[in-house]
């Protein structure tokens, strides 16, 4: 990969990583509730979802989302329903609770699973990998350059996660009482529901 390509790729990539979407909202909310370190560790579930997505885009299977209407619809609805479910859990949380599921503290496995499912259920992610990464691939060294661009994307994603986690932890400092956290939960939950509606409104790209 040429260095001048990197000078274009890294800023553009970071802009995509920093875009405020369902996963970054989840990282911010988790950091406000359980702290930035746990939120960053939990986001490994997102990386675990993105890695095979990048591989799928690399071998060209990402075109399924543009050529198969039913595949696109299944992914879109599954992601939207799960995101709406998380949002409703937050909206209905009790004043003393800053927890999404039930009334007990969430395990790290549960937080990681949420990150994974939110990422895996968003068809926009694989569409980004399919449309964005190939622009910076060297045809003569396709596999290696795709691996490099994919790895750089994931590294920049972790940086973006850390930024949102720090932001969420700072917000959490002002939400020490149950009532304030309840309102934060309601705002976060409402945004998740809005994002779920946004997913449902997504149209299959013309392929």
N, C-alpha and C. Protein backbone atom coordinates (compact mmCIF):
# COMPACT_ATOMS: atom_id res chain seq x y z
N UNK A 1 0.85 -1.19 0.00
CA UNK A 1 0.00 0.00 0.00
C UNK A 1 0.88 1.25 0.00
N UNK A 2 0.56 2.21 -0.86
CA UNK A 2 1.32 3.44 -0.95
C UNK A 2 1.05 4.33 0.27
N UNK A 3 2.10 5.08 0.68
CA UNK A 3 1.93 5.96 1.83
C UNK A 3 0.91 7.06 1.57
N UNK A 4 0.85 7.55 0.33
CA UNK A 4 -0.12 8.60 0.04
C UNK A 4 -1.55 8.09 0.15
N UNK A 5 -1.74 6.77 -0.10
CA UNK A 5 -3.05 6.18 0.11
C UNK A 5 -3.40 6.17 1.59
N UNK A 6 -2.39 5.90 2.42
CA UNK A 6 -2.62 5.89 3.87
C UNK A 6 -3.03 7.26 4.37
N UNK A 7 -2.45 8.29 3.80
CA UNK A 7 -2.77 9.66 4.22
C UNK A 7 -4.23 9.99 3.93
N UNK A 8 -4.79 9.33 2.95
CA UNK A 8 -6.21 9.51 2.64
C UNK A 8 -7.05 8.50 3.42
N UNK A 9 -6.56 7.27 3.49
CA UNK A 9 -7.33 6.19 4.11
C UNK A 9 -7.56 6.41 5.61
N UNK A 10 -6.51 6.74 6.35
CA UNK A 10 -6.63 6.83 7.81
C UNK A 10 -7.63 7.89 8.27
N UNK A 11 -7.58 9.12 7.73
CA UNK A 11 -8.60 10.10 8.15
C UNK A 11 -10.01 9.69 7.76
N UNK A 12 -10.15 9.16 6.54
CA UNK A 12 -11.49 8.74 6.09
C UNK A 12 -12.00 7.59 6.94
N UNK A 13 -11.10 6.66 7.24
CA UNK A 13 -11.46 5.50 8.06
C UNK A 13 -11.88 5.94 9.45
N UNK A 14 -11.09 6.85 10.04
CA UNK A 14 -11.39 7.31 11.41
C UNK A 14 -12.72 8.05 11.46
N UNK A 15 -13.04 8.76 10.39
CA UNK A 15 -14.34 9.45 10.35
C UNK A 15 -15.47 8.43 10.40
N UNK A 16 -15.30 7.30 9.69
CA UNK A 16 -16.31 6.24 9.73
C UNK A 16 -16.37 5.60 11.12
N UNK A 17 -15.19 5.38 11.73
CA UNK A 17 -15.14 4.78 13.06
C UNK A 17 -15.83 5.65 14.10
N UNK A 18 -15.69 6.96 13.96
CA UNK A 18 -16.23 7.89 14.96
C UNK A 18 -17.70 8.22 14.73
N UNK A 19 -18.26 7.80 13.60
CA UNK A 19 -19.68 8.08 13.33
C UNK A 19 -20.54 7.54 14.47
N UNK A 20 -21.45 8.37 14.94
CA UNK A 20 -22.28 7.99 16.09
C UNK A 20 -23.39 7.06 15.63
N UNK A 21 -23.22 5.78 15.95
CA UNK A 21 -24.21 4.78 15.58
C UNK A 21 -24.53 3.88 16.76
N UNK A 22 -25.23 2.79 16.52
CA UNK A 22 -25.67 1.91 17.62
C UNK A 22 -24.54 1.38 18.49
N UNK A 23 -23.43 0.93 17.90
CA UNK A 23 -22.35 0.38 18.71
C UNK A 23 -21.64 1.44 19.53
N UNK A 24 -21.41 2.62 18.95
CA UNK A 24 -20.76 3.67 19.72
C UNK A 24 -21.68 4.19 20.82
N UNK A 25 -22.97 4.20 20.58
CA UNK A 25 -23.93 4.54 21.63
C UNK A 25 -23.86 3.50 22.75
N UNK A 26 -23.78 2.23 22.38
CA UNK A 26 -23.70 1.17 23.38
C UNK A 26 -22.43 1.28 24.21
N UNK A 27 -21.30 1.59 23.56
CA UNK A 27 -20.04 1.76 24.29
C UNK A 27 -20.12 2.92 25.25
N UNK A 28 -20.75 4.01 24.82
CA UNK A 28 -20.90 5.18 25.69
C UNK A 28 -21.77 4.86 26.90
N UNK A 29 -22.88 4.17 26.64
CA UNK A 29 -23.81 3.80 27.72
C UNK A 29 -23.14 2.83 28.70
N UNK A 30 -22.44 1.83 28.17
CA UNK A 30 -21.76 0.87 29.04
C UNK A 30 -20.71 1.55 29.90
N UNK A 31 -19.95 2.49 29.31
CA UNK A 31 -18.91 3.19 30.06
C UNK A 31 -19.50 4.03 31.18
N UNK A 32 -20.66 4.63 30.93
CA UNK A 32 -21.32 5.43 31.96
C UNK A 32 -21.77 4.55 33.12
N UNK A 33 -22.08 3.29 32.83
CA UNK A 33 -22.61 2.39 33.85
C UNK A 33 -21.55 1.55 34.55
N UNK A 34 -20.57 1.05 33.78
CA UNK A 34 -19.60 0.11 34.37
C UNK A 34 -18.17 0.58 34.26
N UNK A 35 -17.94 1.76 33.67
CA UNK A 35 -16.59 2.29 33.57
C UNK A 35 -15.99 2.09 32.19
N UNK A 36 -15.00 2.93 31.84
CA UNK A 36 -14.44 2.89 30.49
C UNK A 36 -13.68 1.61 30.18
N UNK A 37 -12.92 1.07 31.13
CA UNK A 37 -12.12 -0.12 30.86
C UNK A 37 -13.01 -1.31 30.49
N UNK A 38 -14.06 -1.53 31.27
CA UNK A 38 -14.97 -2.64 30.98
C UNK A 38 -15.69 -2.43 29.65
N UNK A 39 -16.02 -1.18 29.36
CA UNK A 39 -16.70 -0.88 28.09
C UNK A 39 -15.78 -1.19 26.91
N UNK A 40 -14.49 -0.86 27.05
CA UNK A 40 -13.54 -1.12 25.98
C UNK A 40 -13.34 -2.62 25.81
N UNK A 41 -13.22 -3.35 26.93
CA UNK A 41 -13.07 -4.81 26.86
C UNK A 41 -14.31 -5.44 26.23
N UNK A 42 -15.48 -4.94 26.63
CA UNK A 42 -16.74 -5.48 26.08
C UNK A 42 -16.82 -5.28 24.57
N UNK A 43 -16.21 -4.22 24.09
CA UNK A 43 -16.28 -3.93 22.66
C UNK A 43 -15.48 -4.92 21.83
N UNK A 44 -14.74 -5.82 22.48
CA UNK A 44 -14.09 -6.89 21.72
C UNK A 44 -15.14 -7.75 21.02
N UNK A 45 -16.37 -7.74 21.55
CA UNK A 45 -17.46 -8.43 20.87
C UNK A 45 -17.76 -7.79 19.52
N UNK A 46 -17.63 -6.48 19.45
CA UNK A 46 -17.82 -5.78 18.17
C UNK A 46 -16.71 -6.14 17.18
N UNK A 47 -15.47 -6.16 17.67
CA UNK A 47 -14.35 -6.53 16.81
C UNK A 47 -14.51 -7.96 16.32
N UNK A 48 -15.02 -8.83 17.19
CA UNK A 48 -15.24 -10.23 16.80
C UNK A 48 -16.29 -10.34 15.71
N UNK A 49 -17.24 -9.40 15.66
CA UNK A 49 -18.26 -9.40 14.61
C UNK A 49 -17.71 -8.78 13.32
N UNK A 50 -16.93 -7.70 13.47
CA UNK A 50 -16.41 -7.00 12.30
C UNK A 50 -15.37 -7.81 11.54
N UNK A 51 -14.57 -8.61 12.26
CA UNK A 51 -13.48 -9.34 11.61
C UNK A 51 -13.98 -10.28 10.50
N UNK A 52 -14.97 -11.16 10.78
CA UNK A 52 -15.47 -11.99 9.68
C UNK A 52 -16.21 -11.19 8.62
N UNK A 53 -16.81 -10.05 9.01
CA UNK A 53 -17.47 -9.21 8.01
C UNK A 53 -16.45 -8.69 7.00
N UNK A 54 -15.29 -8.28 7.51
CA UNK A 54 -14.23 -7.79 6.62
C UNK A 54 -13.75 -8.93 5.72
N UNK A 55 -13.62 -10.12 6.30
CA UNK A 55 -13.20 -11.28 5.50
C UNK A 55 -14.23 -11.59 4.42
N UNK A 56 -15.50 -11.51 4.77
CA UNK A 56 -16.58 -11.76 3.81
C UNK A 56 -16.52 -10.74 2.68
N UNK A 57 -16.32 -9.47 3.05
CA UNK A 57 -16.21 -8.42 2.03
C UNK A 57 -14.99 -8.67 1.15
N UNK A 58 -13.91 -9.17 1.76
CA UNK A 58 -12.68 -9.40 1.03
C UNK A 58 -12.80 -10.46 -0.06
N UNK A 59 -13.59 -11.47 0.21
CA UNK A 59 -13.75 -12.54 -0.79
C UNK A 59 -14.94 -12.29 -1.71
N UNK A 60 -15.57 -11.13 -1.54
CA UNK A 60 -16.62 -10.74 -2.47
C UNK A 60 -18.02 -11.16 -2.08
N UNK A 61 -18.16 -11.85 -0.93
CA UNK A 61 -19.49 -12.31 -0.54
C UNK A 61 -20.36 -11.17 -0.01
N UNK A 62 -19.72 -10.02 0.25
CA UNK A 62 -20.51 -8.87 0.70
C UNK A 62 -21.52 -8.42 -0.33
N UNK A 63 -21.29 -8.82 -1.59
CA UNK A 63 -22.24 -8.45 -2.64
C UNK A 63 -23.60 -9.12 -2.44
N UNK A 64 -23.65 -10.14 -1.55
CA UNK A 64 -24.94 -10.76 -1.24
C UNK A 64 -25.94 -9.73 -0.74
N UNK A 65 -25.43 -8.75 0.01
CA UNK A 65 -26.32 -7.74 0.56
C UNK A 65 -26.87 -6.81 -0.52
N UNK A 66 -26.18 -6.75 -1.65
CA UNK A 66 -26.68 -5.91 -2.73
C UNK A 66 -27.43 -6.72 -3.78
N UNK A 67 -27.21 -8.03 -3.81
CA UNK A 67 -27.85 -8.85 -4.84
C UNK A 67 -29.01 -9.71 -4.30
N UNK A 68 -29.00 -9.96 -3.00
CA UNK A 68 -30.05 -10.80 -2.43
C UNK A 68 -30.95 -9.96 -1.52
N UNK A 69 -32.16 -9.70 -1.99
CA UNK A 69 -33.09 -8.90 -1.21
C UNK A 69 -33.44 -9.59 0.11
N UNK A 70 -33.66 -10.90 0.08
CA UNK A 70 -34.08 -11.60 1.29
C UNK A 70 -32.98 -11.65 2.33
N UNK A 71 -31.73 -11.84 1.91
CA UNK A 71 -30.63 -11.85 2.85
C UNK A 71 -30.50 -10.50 3.53
N UNK A 72 -30.62 -9.45 2.75
CA UNK A 72 -30.54 -8.09 3.30
C UNK A 72 -31.66 -7.85 4.30
N UNK A 73 -32.87 -8.28 3.96
CA UNK A 73 -34.02 -8.07 4.84
C UNK A 73 -33.87 -8.83 6.16
N UNK A 74 -33.39 -10.07 6.09
CA UNK A 74 -33.22 -10.88 7.31
C UNK A 74 -32.22 -10.22 8.25
N UNK A 75 -31.07 -9.81 7.71
CA UNK A 75 -30.05 -9.18 8.54
C UNK A 75 -30.58 -7.87 9.14
N UNK A 76 -31.26 -7.10 8.30
CA UNK A 76 -31.77 -5.80 8.73
C UNK A 76 -32.79 -5.95 9.85
N UNK A 77 -33.75 -6.85 9.69
CA UNK A 77 -34.80 -7.02 10.70
C UNK A 77 -34.25 -7.63 11.99
N UNK A 78 -33.34 -8.59 11.87
CA UNK A 78 -32.75 -9.18 13.07
C UNK A 78 -32.01 -8.13 13.88
N UNK A 79 -31.23 -7.30 13.21
CA UNK A 79 -30.49 -6.25 13.89
C UNK A 79 -31.41 -5.20 14.50
N UNK A 80 -32.43 -4.81 13.76
CA UNK A 80 -33.34 -3.77 14.25
C UNK A 80 -34.13 -4.25 15.46
N UNK A 81 -34.59 -5.50 15.43
CA UNK A 81 -35.38 -6.02 16.54
C UNK A 81 -34.53 -6.15 17.81
N UNK A 82 -33.29 -6.61 17.66
CA UNK A 82 -32.43 -6.74 18.84
C UNK A 82 -32.10 -5.36 19.42
N UNK A 83 -31.82 -4.40 18.55
CA UNK A 83 -31.51 -3.05 19.01
C UNK A 83 -32.72 -2.42 19.70
N UNK A 84 -33.91 -2.63 19.15
CA UNK A 84 -35.12 -2.10 19.77
C UNK A 84 -35.35 -2.75 21.13
N UNK A 85 -35.05 -4.05 21.25
CA UNK A 85 -35.21 -4.76 22.52
C UNK A 85 -34.28 -4.17 23.58
N UNK A 86 -33.02 -3.91 23.21
CA UNK A 86 -32.09 -3.28 24.15
C UNK A 86 -32.59 -1.90 24.57
N UNK A 87 -33.09 -1.14 23.59
CA UNK A 87 -33.59 0.19 23.88
C UNK A 87 -34.77 0.17 24.84
N UNK A 88 -35.69 -0.75 24.63
CA UNK A 88 -36.86 -0.86 25.51
C UNK A 88 -36.45 -1.28 26.91
N UNK A 89 -35.44 -2.15 27.03
CA UNK A 89 -34.93 -2.54 28.34
C UNK A 89 -34.41 -1.32 29.10
N UNK A 90 -33.71 -0.46 28.40
CA UNK A 90 -33.20 0.76 29.03
C UNK A 90 -34.33 1.70 29.41
N UNK A 91 -35.30 1.85 28.52
CA UNK A 91 -36.42 2.74 28.79
C UNK A 91 -37.21 2.31 30.01
N UNK A 92 -37.28 1.01 30.25
CA UNK A 92 -38.07 0.50 31.37
C UNK A 92 -37.24 0.22 32.62
N UNK A 93 -35.94 0.60 32.61
CA UNK A 93 -35.10 0.32 33.77
C UNK A 93 -35.57 1.12 34.98
N UNK A 94 -35.36 0.58 36.15
CA UNK A 94 -35.79 1.21 37.40
C UNK A 94 -34.82 2.33 37.78
N UNK A 95 -35.28 3.30 38.60
CA UNK A 95 -34.43 4.43 38.98
C UNK A 95 -33.11 4.03 39.61
N UNK A 96 -33.11 2.98 40.43
CA UNK A 96 -31.89 2.59 41.12
C UNK A 96 -31.00 1.71 40.27
N UNK A 97 -31.47 1.36 39.07
CA UNK A 97 -30.72 0.42 38.26
C UNK A 97 -30.15 1.07 37.02
N UNK A 98 -28.91 0.76 36.73
CA UNK A 98 -28.27 1.24 35.50
C UNK A 98 -27.95 0.04 34.63
N UNK A 99 -28.85 -0.93 34.62
CA UNK A 99 -28.58 -2.21 34.00
C UNK A 99 -29.57 -2.45 32.88
N UNK A 100 -29.11 -3.05 31.80
CA UNK A 100 -30.00 -3.31 30.67
C UNK A 100 -30.83 -4.56 30.90
N UNK A 101 -30.21 -5.62 31.34
CA UNK A 101 -30.92 -6.88 31.45
C UNK A 101 -31.15 -7.26 32.90
N UNK A 102 -32.42 -7.35 33.29
CA UNK A 102 -32.75 -7.83 34.63
C UNK A 102 -32.37 -6.84 35.70
N UNK A 103 -32.23 -7.32 36.93
CA UNK A 103 -31.89 -6.45 38.04
C UNK A 103 -30.54 -6.77 38.62
N UNK A 104 -29.72 -7.60 37.97
CA UNK A 104 -28.41 -7.95 38.47
C UNK A 104 -27.33 -7.36 37.57
N UNK A 105 -26.14 -7.10 38.15
CA UNK A 105 -25.05 -6.56 37.33
C UNK A 105 -24.74 -7.49 36.16
N UNK A 106 -24.49 -6.89 35.02
CA UNK A 106 -24.21 -7.69 33.83
C UNK A 106 -22.80 -8.24 33.86
N UNK A 107 -22.63 -9.44 33.39
CA UNK A 107 -21.30 -10.04 33.28
C UNK A 107 -20.60 -9.47 32.06
N UNK A 108 -19.27 -9.62 32.02
CA UNK A 108 -18.52 -9.17 30.86
C UNK A 108 -18.96 -9.92 29.62
N UNK A 109 -19.27 -11.21 29.78
CA UNK A 109 -19.74 -11.99 28.64
C UNK A 109 -21.02 -11.41 28.07
N UNK A 110 -21.92 -10.97 28.94
CA UNK A 110 -23.18 -10.39 28.50
C UNK A 110 -22.94 -9.09 27.73
N UNK A 111 -22.04 -8.25 28.25
CA UNK A 111 -21.73 -6.99 27.57
C UNK A 111 -21.07 -7.23 26.23
N UNK A 112 -20.17 -8.21 26.17
CA UNK A 112 -19.52 -8.54 24.91
C UNK A 112 -20.52 -9.09 23.91
N UNK A 113 -21.48 -9.90 24.40
CA UNK A 113 -22.49 -10.46 23.51
C UNK A 113 -23.36 -9.36 22.92
N UNK A 114 -23.70 -8.35 23.73
CA UNK A 114 -24.49 -7.23 23.22
C UNK A 114 -23.75 -6.51 22.10
N UNK A 115 -22.45 -6.22 22.32
CA UNK A 115 -21.66 -5.54 21.31
C UNK A 115 -21.61 -6.37 20.02
N UNK A 116 -21.42 -7.68 20.18
CA UNK A 116 -21.35 -8.56 19.02
C UNK A 116 -22.65 -8.55 18.22
N UNK A 117 -23.77 -8.71 18.93
CA UNK A 117 -25.05 -8.83 18.24
C UNK A 117 -25.47 -7.52 17.59
N UNK A 118 -25.18 -6.39 18.26
CA UNK A 118 -25.52 -5.10 17.65
C UNK A 118 -24.71 -4.89 16.38
N UNK A 119 -23.42 -5.24 16.42
CA UNK A 119 -22.57 -5.09 15.23
C UNK A 119 -22.98 -6.05 14.13
N UNK A 120 -23.21 -7.31 14.50
CA UNK A 120 -23.55 -8.33 13.50
C UNK A 120 -24.90 -8.08 12.86
N UNK A 121 -25.80 -7.41 13.58
CA UNK A 121 -27.13 -7.17 13.05
C UNK A 121 -27.28 -5.87 12.28
N UNK A 122 -26.15 -5.24 11.97
CA UNK A 122 -26.21 -3.98 11.23
C UNK A 122 -25.64 -4.19 9.82
N UNK A 123 -26.49 -4.34 8.81
CA UNK A 123 -25.99 -4.58 7.44
C UNK A 123 -25.18 -3.42 6.90
N UNK A 124 -25.33 -2.24 7.52
CA UNK A 124 -24.58 -1.08 7.05
C UNK A 124 -23.08 -1.29 7.21
N UNK A 125 -22.70 -2.07 8.25
CA UNK A 125 -21.27 -2.30 8.50
C UNK A 125 -20.62 -3.04 7.34
N UNK A 126 -21.21 -4.16 6.94
CA UNK A 126 -20.60 -4.94 5.86
C UNK A 126 -20.69 -4.20 4.53
N UNK A 127 -21.70 -3.37 4.38
CA UNK A 127 -21.78 -2.56 3.16
C UNK A 127 -20.63 -1.55 3.12
N UNK A 128 -20.27 -1.01 4.28
CA UNK A 128 -19.13 -0.09 4.36
C UNK A 128 -17.84 -0.83 4.00
N UNK A 129 -17.68 -2.04 4.55
CA UNK A 129 -16.48 -2.81 4.25
C UNK A 129 -16.42 -3.16 2.77
N UNK A 130 -17.57 -3.47 2.18
CA UNK A 130 -17.61 -3.86 0.77
C UNK A 130 -17.35 -2.68 -0.16
N UNK A 131 -17.83 -1.50 0.23
CA UNK A 131 -17.71 -0.34 -0.65
C UNK A 131 -16.47 0.51 -0.36
N UNK A 132 -16.06 0.54 0.91
CA UNK A 132 -14.99 1.47 1.30
C UNK A 132 -13.59 0.86 1.19
N UNK A 133 -13.38 -0.30 1.80
CA UNK A 133 -12.04 -0.88 1.85
C UNK A 133 -11.43 -1.17 0.47
N UNK A 134 -12.20 -1.72 -0.48
CA UNK A 134 -11.60 -2.02 -1.78
C UNK A 134 -11.02 -0.82 -2.51
N UNK A 135 -11.45 0.40 -2.15
CA UNK A 135 -10.93 1.59 -2.80
C UNK A 135 -9.44 1.78 -2.52
N UNK A 136 -8.96 1.17 -1.44
CA UNK A 136 -7.57 1.36 -1.03
C UNK A 136 -6.75 0.08 -1.19
N UNK A 137 -7.29 -0.86 -1.93
CA UNK A 137 -6.60 -2.13 -2.14
C UNK A 137 -5.76 -2.06 -3.42
N UNK A 138 -4.54 -2.62 -3.34
CA UNK A 138 -3.66 -2.70 -4.51
C UNK A 138 -4.00 -3.98 -5.26
N UNK A 139 -4.50 -3.89 -6.48
CA UNK A 139 -4.93 -5.08 -7.22
C UNK A 139 -3.85 -6.16 -7.34
N UNK A 140 -2.58 -5.72 -7.49
CA UNK A 140 -1.50 -6.69 -7.66
C UNK A 140 -1.25 -7.49 -6.38
N UNK A 141 -1.62 -6.92 -5.26
CA UNK A 141 -1.43 -7.60 -3.96
C UNK A 141 -2.76 -7.53 -3.19
N UNK A 142 -3.80 -8.02 -3.84
CA UNK A 142 -5.16 -7.84 -3.32
C UNK A 142 -5.32 -8.39 -1.90
N UNK A 143 -4.97 -9.65 -1.69
CA UNK A 143 -5.21 -10.28 -0.38
C UNK A 143 -4.46 -9.57 0.73
N UNK A 144 -3.16 -9.31 0.50
CA UNK A 144 -2.35 -8.67 1.54
C UNK A 144 -2.83 -7.26 1.84
N UNK A 145 -3.13 -6.49 0.81
CA UNK A 145 -3.56 -5.11 1.03
C UNK A 145 -4.94 -5.05 1.67
N UNK A 146 -5.80 -6.01 1.36
CA UNK A 146 -7.12 -6.03 2.00
C UNK A 146 -6.97 -6.37 3.48
N UNK A 147 -6.07 -7.29 3.79
CA UNK A 147 -5.81 -7.64 5.19
C UNK A 147 -5.28 -6.42 5.94
N UNK A 148 -4.37 -5.68 5.31
CA UNK A 148 -3.78 -4.50 5.96
C UNK A 148 -4.83 -3.43 6.20
N UNK A 149 -5.63 -3.14 5.16
CA UNK A 149 -6.66 -2.11 5.33
C UNK A 149 -7.70 -2.54 6.36
N UNK A 150 -8.06 -3.83 6.35
CA UNK A 150 -9.01 -4.32 7.35
C UNK A 150 -8.47 -4.23 8.75
N UNK A 151 -7.19 -4.58 8.91
CA UNK A 151 -6.56 -4.52 10.24
C UNK A 151 -6.48 -3.07 10.72
N UNK A 152 -6.14 -2.16 9.81
CA UNK A 152 -6.08 -0.75 10.19
C UNK A 152 -7.45 -0.23 10.58
N UNK A 153 -8.47 -0.68 9.87
CA UNK A 153 -9.83 -0.27 10.23
C UNK A 153 -10.16 -0.70 11.66
N UNK A 154 -9.81 -1.93 12.00
CA UNK A 154 -10.11 -2.45 13.34
C UNK A 154 -9.31 -1.70 14.41
N UNK A 155 -8.06 -1.36 14.10
CA UNK A 155 -7.26 -0.58 15.05
C UNK A 155 -7.88 0.78 15.30
N UNK A 156 -8.30 1.44 14.21
CA UNK A 156 -8.94 2.75 14.34
C UNK A 156 -10.28 2.64 15.06
N UNK A 157 -10.94 1.50 14.89
CA UNK A 157 -12.21 1.26 15.58
C UNK A 157 -11.99 1.20 17.09
N UNK A 158 -10.91 0.54 17.52
CA UNK A 158 -10.59 0.46 18.94
C UNK A 158 -10.30 1.86 19.51
N UNK A 159 -9.60 2.69 18.72
CA UNK A 159 -9.32 4.06 19.16
C UNK A 159 -10.62 4.83 19.34
N UNK A 160 -11.54 4.68 18.38
CA UNK A 160 -12.83 5.36 18.48
C UNK A 160 -13.62 4.86 19.68
N UNK A 161 -13.57 3.57 19.92
CA UNK A 161 -14.25 2.98 21.08
C UNK A 161 -13.72 3.61 22.36
N UNK A 162 -12.40 3.73 22.47
CA UNK A 162 -11.79 4.30 23.67
C UNK A 162 -12.25 5.74 23.88
N UNK A 163 -12.36 6.50 22.80
CA UNK A 163 -12.81 7.89 22.91
C UNK A 163 -14.24 7.96 23.43
N UNK A 164 -15.11 7.13 22.86
CA UNK A 164 -16.50 7.11 23.32
C UNK A 164 -16.61 6.58 24.75
N UNK A 165 -15.75 5.63 25.11
CA UNK A 165 -15.78 5.08 26.47
C UNK A 165 -15.37 6.14 27.49
N UNK A 166 -14.34 6.92 27.16
CA UNK A 166 -13.92 8.01 28.06
C UNK A 166 -15.03 9.04 28.18
N UNK A 167 -15.65 9.38 27.06
CA UNK A 167 -16.78 10.32 27.08
C UNK A 167 -17.90 9.79 27.96
N UNK A 168 -18.23 8.50 27.79
CA UNK A 168 -19.29 7.91 28.59
C UNK A 168 -18.97 7.90 30.07
N UNK A 169 -17.70 7.64 30.43
CA UNK A 169 -17.32 7.62 31.84
C UNK A 169 -17.44 9.00 32.47
N UNK A 170 -17.12 10.04 31.67
CA UNK A 170 -17.25 11.41 32.18
C UNK A 170 -18.72 11.76 32.41
N UNK A 171 -19.57 11.29 31.50
CA UNK A 171 -21.01 11.50 31.69
C UNK A 171 -21.48 10.77 32.94
N UNK A 172 -20.97 9.55 33.14
CA UNK A 172 -21.39 8.75 34.28
C UNK A 172 -21.08 9.38 35.62
N UNK A 173 -20.05 10.22 35.68
CA UNK A 173 -19.70 10.88 36.94
C UNK A 173 -20.80 11.80 37.43
N UNK A 174 -21.60 12.29 36.50
CA UNK A 174 -22.69 13.21 36.87
C UNK A 174 -24.01 12.47 37.08
N UNK A 175 -23.94 11.14 37.01
CA UNK A 175 -25.17 10.36 37.11
C UNK A 175 -25.12 9.40 38.30
N UNK A 176 -24.59 9.87 39.41
CA UNK A 176 -24.39 8.99 40.56
C UNK A 176 -25.71 8.58 41.22
N UNK A 177 -26.71 9.44 41.18
CA UNK A 177 -27.98 9.05 41.80
C UNK A 177 -28.85 8.31 40.80
N UNK A 178 -29.71 7.46 41.33
CA UNK A 178 -30.53 6.59 40.51
C UNK A 178 -31.43 7.32 39.53
N UNK A 179 -31.99 8.45 39.96
CA UNK A 179 -32.92 9.19 39.11
C UNK A 179 -32.22 9.73 37.87
N UNK A 180 -31.02 10.27 38.06
CA UNK A 180 -30.27 10.81 36.92
C UNK A 180 -29.90 9.70 35.95
N UNK A 181 -29.47 8.55 36.49
CA UNK A 181 -29.11 7.43 35.63
C UNK A 181 -30.33 6.90 34.88
N UNK A 182 -31.49 6.95 35.53
CA UNK A 182 -32.70 6.51 34.86
C UNK A 182 -32.98 7.37 33.62
N UNK A 183 -32.79 8.68 33.75
CA UNK A 183 -33.01 9.55 32.61
C UNK A 183 -31.97 9.32 31.52
N UNK A 184 -30.74 9.05 31.94
CA UNK A 184 -29.71 8.72 30.95
C UNK A 184 -30.08 7.43 30.22
N UNK A 185 -30.56 6.44 30.98
CA UNK A 185 -31.01 5.20 30.37
C UNK A 185 -32.13 5.44 29.37
N UNK A 186 -33.06 6.33 29.74
CA UNK A 186 -34.19 6.60 28.86
C UNK A 186 -33.74 7.27 27.56
N UNK A 187 -32.81 8.21 27.67
CA UNK A 187 -32.30 8.87 26.46
C UNK A 187 -31.56 7.86 25.59
N UNK A 188 -30.69 7.05 26.22
CA UNK A 188 -29.95 6.03 25.47
C UNK A 188 -30.91 5.02 24.84
N UNK A 189 -31.91 4.60 25.61
CA UNK A 189 -32.88 3.64 25.09
C UNK A 189 -33.66 4.20 23.93
N UNK A 190 -34.07 5.47 24.05
CA UNK A 190 -34.82 6.10 22.97
C UNK A 190 -33.97 6.19 21.70
N UNK A 191 -32.67 6.51 21.87
CA UNK A 191 -31.78 6.59 20.71
C UNK A 191 -31.62 5.22 20.06
N UNK A 192 -31.54 4.16 20.87
CA UNK A 192 -31.42 2.82 20.31
C UNK A 192 -32.67 2.45 19.51
N UNK A 193 -33.83 2.83 20.02
CA UNK A 193 -35.07 2.57 19.29
C UNK A 193 -35.07 3.35 17.98
N UNK A 194 -34.59 4.61 18.03
CA UNK A 194 -34.50 5.42 16.81
C UNK A 194 -33.56 4.76 15.80
N UNK A 195 -32.42 4.27 16.29
CA UNK A 195 -31.48 3.58 15.39
C UNK A 195 -32.11 2.33 14.80
N UNK A 196 -32.92 1.63 15.59
CA UNK A 196 -33.57 0.41 15.08
C UNK A 196 -34.54 0.76 13.96
N UNK A 197 -35.24 1.87 14.12
CA UNK A 197 -36.14 2.33 13.07
C UNK A 197 -35.35 2.73 11.83
N UNK A 198 -34.16 3.35 12.08
CA UNK A 198 -33.29 3.72 10.98
C UNK A 198 -32.83 2.50 10.19
N UNK A 199 -32.54 1.40 10.89
CA UNK A 199 -32.15 0.18 10.21
C UNK A 199 -33.29 -0.34 9.33
N UNK A 200 -34.50 -0.30 9.88
CA UNK A 200 -35.65 -0.77 9.11
C UNK A 200 -35.90 0.09 7.87
N UNK A 201 -35.51 1.36 7.98
CA UNK A 201 -35.72 2.27 6.84
C UNK A 201 -34.66 2.13 5.76
N UNK A 202 -33.59 1.38 6.09
CA UNK A 202 -32.52 1.20 5.09
C UNK A 202 -33.04 0.47 3.86
N UNK A 203 -32.64 0.94 2.73
CA UNK A 203 -33.02 0.28 1.47
C UNK A 203 -31.83 -0.51 0.94
N UNK A 204 -32.13 -1.62 0.29
CA UNK A 204 -31.07 -2.42 -0.31
C UNK A 204 -30.42 -1.63 -1.44
N UNK A 205 -29.09 -1.50 -1.40
CA UNK A 205 -28.42 -0.75 -2.46
C UNK A 205 -28.65 -1.39 -3.82
N UNK A 206 -28.70 -0.56 -4.82
CA UNK A 206 -28.85 -1.08 -6.17
C UNK A 206 -27.56 -1.78 -6.56
N UNK A 207 -27.68 -3.03 -7.00
CA UNK A 207 -26.47 -3.76 -7.34
C UNK A 207 -26.47 -4.17 -8.80
